[in-house]
Amino acid sequence: MTNLIKMIRKTKNNKGFTLVEMMLYVVLAATVIASTVILLQEVLESRIKNQVVNEIEGQGSQLVWLLSHEIMSADALNNPQPADISASLELASTEAAENPTIIDLDGDTIRITEGADAPVSLTSSKIAASNLNFQNLSNDETVGVVRFEFTLTYFNPGSRSEYNYSKTFSGSANIRR
């Protein structure tokens, strides 16, 4: 019996970890590492989503301003006719180099053509434009009022959820005389 007590005391004085303690520390460390990896992945996905939203919002706001500016700067509205809706807008100008100014949708790109110049893309290659519509709201009292609407969608290269974003923009402007 005394040998047993001596052996128990001797084992209590040994330095180091038991197998159970070691397994507990490994599981705890793995949990901390896994939580950190998941958190970092969520932060990166959120960052990408914010970039996508900012790109769509920025280009949409820029297009609304540009379309409004072009309409207000025009001298006359050639197309669409009053009460009509069209996928393209044709504006007349007294400047020969800008006459006519045509804004339309080519595939998934909104573009502007001024006079005989080549069309210029108004949207980036990262964004697909669709549903471009111009409605002539002119009547006897208000001439040259145009309402426009378009949808911008971010290209999703690998069907990843953080790249899914689409927004419809609209506005209206009238020709200043």
Protein backbone atom coordinates (compact mmCIF):
# COMPACT_ATOMS: atom_id res chain seq x y z
CA MET A 1 0.00 0.00 0.00
CA THR A 2 2.81 2.40 0.76
CA ASN A 3 4.27 1.71 -2.65
CA LEU A 4 0.96 2.70 -4.23
CA ILE A 5 0.86 5.98 -2.32
CA LYS A 6 4.45 6.73 -3.32
CA MET A 7 3.61 6.04 -6.95
CA ILE A 8 0.55 8.36 -6.86
CA ARG A 9 2.63 11.15 -5.28
CA LYS A 10 5.36 10.61 -7.86
CA THR A 11 2.93 10.95 -10.78
CA LYS A 12 1.42 14.12 -9.33
CA ASN A 13 4.81 15.80 -9.38
CA ASN A 14 5.40 15.09 -13.12
CA LYS A 15 5.48 18.17 -15.33
CA GLY A 16 3.49 18.32 -18.65
CA PHE A 17 -0.02 17.82 -20.01
CA THR A 18 -2.24 14.81 -19.88
CA LEU A 19 -3.78 13.50 -23.06
CA VAL A 20 -7.19 14.93 -22.12
CA GLU A 21 -5.67 18.37 -21.50
CA MET A 22 -3.82 18.28 -24.83
CA MET A 23 -6.99 17.32 -26.73
CA LEU A 24 -8.90 20.12 -25.00
CA TYR A 25 -6.28 22.72 -26.04
CA VAL A 26 -6.21 21.45 -29.65
CA VAL A 27 -10.02 21.64 -29.92
CA LEU A 28 -10.03 25.11 -28.39
CA ALA A 29 -7.33 26.34 -30.78
CA ALA A 30 -9.12 24.80 -33.80
CA THR A 31 -12.36 26.55 -32.77
CA VAL A 32 -10.63 29.92 -32.51
CA ILE A 33 -8.91 29.46 -35.89
CA ALA A 34 -12.12 28.33 -37.60
CA SER A 35 -14.05 31.29 -36.15
CA THR A 36 -11.37 33.69 -37.38
CA VAL A 37 -11.42 32.22 -40.89
CA ILE A 38 -15.23 32.44 -41.07
CA LEU A 39 -15.14 36.05 -39.83
CA LEU A 40 -12.51 37.02 -42.41
CA GLN A 41 -14.51 35.36 -45.19
CA GLU A 42 -17.64 37.30 -44.17
CA VAL A 43 -15.66 40.56 -44.09
CA LEU A 44 -14.28 39.93 -47.60
CA GLU A 45 -17.72 39.06 -49.00
CA SER A 46 -19.18 42.18 -47.41
CA ARG A 47 -16.39 44.30 -48.90
CA ILE A 48 -17.05 42.88 -52.38
CA LYS A 49 -20.80 43.45 -52.03
CA ASN A 50 -20.19 47.07 -51.00
CA GLN A 51 -17.94 47.62 -54.02
CA VAL A 52 -20.61 46.17 -56.33
CA VAL A 53 -23.36 48.35 -54.82
CA ASN A 54 -21.14 51.45 -55.02
CA GLU A 55 -20.31 50.74 -58.68
CA ILE A 56 -23.99 50.38 -59.64
CA GLU A 57 -25.10 53.37 -57.56
CA GLY A 58 -22.29 55.57 -58.90
CA GLN A 59 -22.85 54.73 -62.55
CA GLY A 60 -26.63 54.97 -62.18
CA SER A 61 -26.41 58.43 -60.61
CA GLN A 62 -23.95 59.55 -63.25
CA LEU A 63 -26.23 58.33 -66.06
CA VAL A 64 -29.29 60.05 -64.56
CA TRP A 65 -27.33 63.31 -64.40
CA LEU A 66 -25.95 62.90 -67.94
CA LEU A 67 -29.34 62.06 -69.47
CA SER A 68 -30.95 65.00 -67.68
CA HIS A 69 -28.15 67.31 -68.85
CA GLU A 70 -28.40 66.15 -72.47
CA ILE A 71 -32.18 66.64 -72.50
CA MET A 72 -31.98 70.09 -70.90
CA SER A 73 -29.22 71.16 -73.34
CA ALA A 74 -31.15 70.12 -76.46
CA ASP A 75 -33.10 72.48 -78.67
CA ALA A 76 -35.82 70.00 -79.66
CA LEU A 77 -37.02 66.46 -79.12
CA ASN A 78 -37.20 64.34 -82.30
CA ASN A 79 -37.99 60.93 -80.82
CA PRO A 80 -40.10 59.67 -79.07
CA GLN A 81 -43.17 61.52 -80.26
CA PRO A 82 -45.59 62.98 -77.67
CA ALA A 83 -47.22 60.27 -75.52
CA ASP A 84 -44.94 57.59 -77.03
CA ILE A 85 -42.40 55.33 -75.35
CA SER A 86 -39.17 54.43 -77.15
CA ALA A 87 -35.96 52.52 -76.46
CA SER A 88 -33.94 55.41 -77.91
CA LEU A 89 -33.90 59.15 -77.49
CA GLU A 90 -33.14 61.53 -80.37
CA LEU A 91 -32.45 65.16 -79.54
CA ALA A 92 -31.96 68.04 -81.98
CA SER A 93 -29.30 70.69 -81.48
CA THR A 94 -28.32 73.87 -83.27
CA GLU A 95 -24.70 72.71 -83.00
CA ALA A 96 -24.04 70.85 -86.26
CA ALA A 97 -21.45 68.57 -84.63
CA GLU A 98 -24.01 67.39 -82.06
CA ASN A 99 -27.05 67.10 -84.34
CA PRO A 100 -28.71 64.71 -83.79
CA THR A 101 -27.79 63.38 -80.37
CA ILE A 102 -29.00 59.78 -79.99
CA ILE A 103 -28.99 57.83 -76.73
CA ASP A 104 -29.79 54.14 -77.03
CA LEU A 105 -29.09 50.65 -75.78
CA ASP A 106 -26.67 48.49 -77.76
CA GLY A 107 -26.73 44.98 -76.31
CA ASP A 108 -26.08 45.64 -72.63
CA THR A 109 -24.42 49.06 -73.03
CA ILE A 110 -26.04 52.48 -72.95
CA ARG A 111 -24.35 54.67 -75.53
CA ILE A 112 -24.53 58.20 -76.92
CA THR A 113 -23.95 59.27 -80.51
CA GLU A 114 -23.48 62.97 -81.27
CA GLY A 115 -23.84 63.94 -84.92
CA ALA A 116 -21.64 61.89 -87.22
CA ASP A 117 -19.28 60.83 -84.40
CA ALA A 118 -18.89 57.20 -83.39
CA PRO A 119 -21.06 55.98 -80.51
CA VAL A 120 -19.54 56.34 -77.03
CA SER A 121 -20.35 53.86 -74.27
CA LEU A 122 -21.80 55.41 -71.12
CA THR A 123 -21.62 52.26 -68.98
CA SER A 124 -18.59 50.25 -67.93
CA SER A 125 -17.83 46.71 -69.00
CA LYS A 126 -18.57 45.51 -65.44
CA ILE A 127 -22.22 46.51 -65.74
CA ALA A 128 -25.06 45.35 -67.96
CA ALA A 129 -27.77 47.88 -68.80
CA SER A 130 -31.30 46.85 -69.73
CA ASN A 131 -34.87 48.12 -69.96
CA LEU A 132 -33.88 51.55 -71.29
CA ASN A 133 -37.07 53.51 -71.98
CA PHE A 134 -37.79 57.11 -72.85
CA GLN A 135 -41.33 58.47 -72.56
CA ASN A 136 -42.30 61.78 -74.11
CA LEU A 137 -44.62 63.46 -71.61
CA SER A 138 -45.07 66.62 -73.66
CA ASN A 139 -48.47 68.24 -74.05
CA ASP A 140 -49.72 71.69 -75.12
CA GLU A 141 -48.53 73.42 -71.92
CA THR A 142 -45.27 71.52 -71.39
CA VAL A 143 -43.17 70.81 -74.46
CA GLY A 144 -40.07 68.63 -74.41
CA VAL A 145 -40.64 66.72 -71.15
CA VAL A 146 -38.98 63.30 -71.14
CA ARG A 147 -39.15 60.58 -68.53
CA PHE A 148 -36.42 57.92 -68.67
CA GLU A 149 -35.81 54.63 -66.93
CA PHE A 150 -33.08 51.98 -67.07
CA THR A 151 -31.82 49.03 -65.07
CA LEU A 152 -28.18 48.35 -64.23
CA THR A 153 -26.96 44.90 -63.22
CA TYR A 154 -23.45 43.94 -62.14
CA PHE A 155 -21.87 41.17 -64.20
CA ASN A 156 -21.59 38.07 -62.04
CA PRO A 157 -18.54 36.16 -63.30
CA GLY A 158 -18.88 33.03 -61.20
CA SER A 159 -22.48 33.13 -59.97
CA ARG A 160 -21.23 34.29 -56.57
CA SER A 161 -23.89 35.77 -54.31
CA GLU A 162 -21.88 38.86 -53.37
CA TYR A 163 -21.89 39.96 -57.04
CA ASN A 164 -25.70 39.79 -57.36
CA TYR A 165 -26.99 43.36 -57.48
CA SER A 166 -29.36 45.15 -59.80
CA LYS A 167 -31.14 48.48 -59.54
CA THR A 168 -33.62 50.44 -61.67
CA PHE A 169 -33.03 54.17 -62.04
CA SER A 170 -35.45 56.76 -63.36
CA GLY A 171 -35.65 60.48 -63.87
CA SER A 172 -37.17 63.18 -65.98
CA ALA A 173 -36.07 66.41 -67.57
CA ASN A 174 -37.39 69.00 -69.96
CA ILE A 175 -35.82 70.94 -72.79
CA ARG A 176 -34.94 74.50 -71.80
CA ARG A 177 -36.05 77.09 -74.32
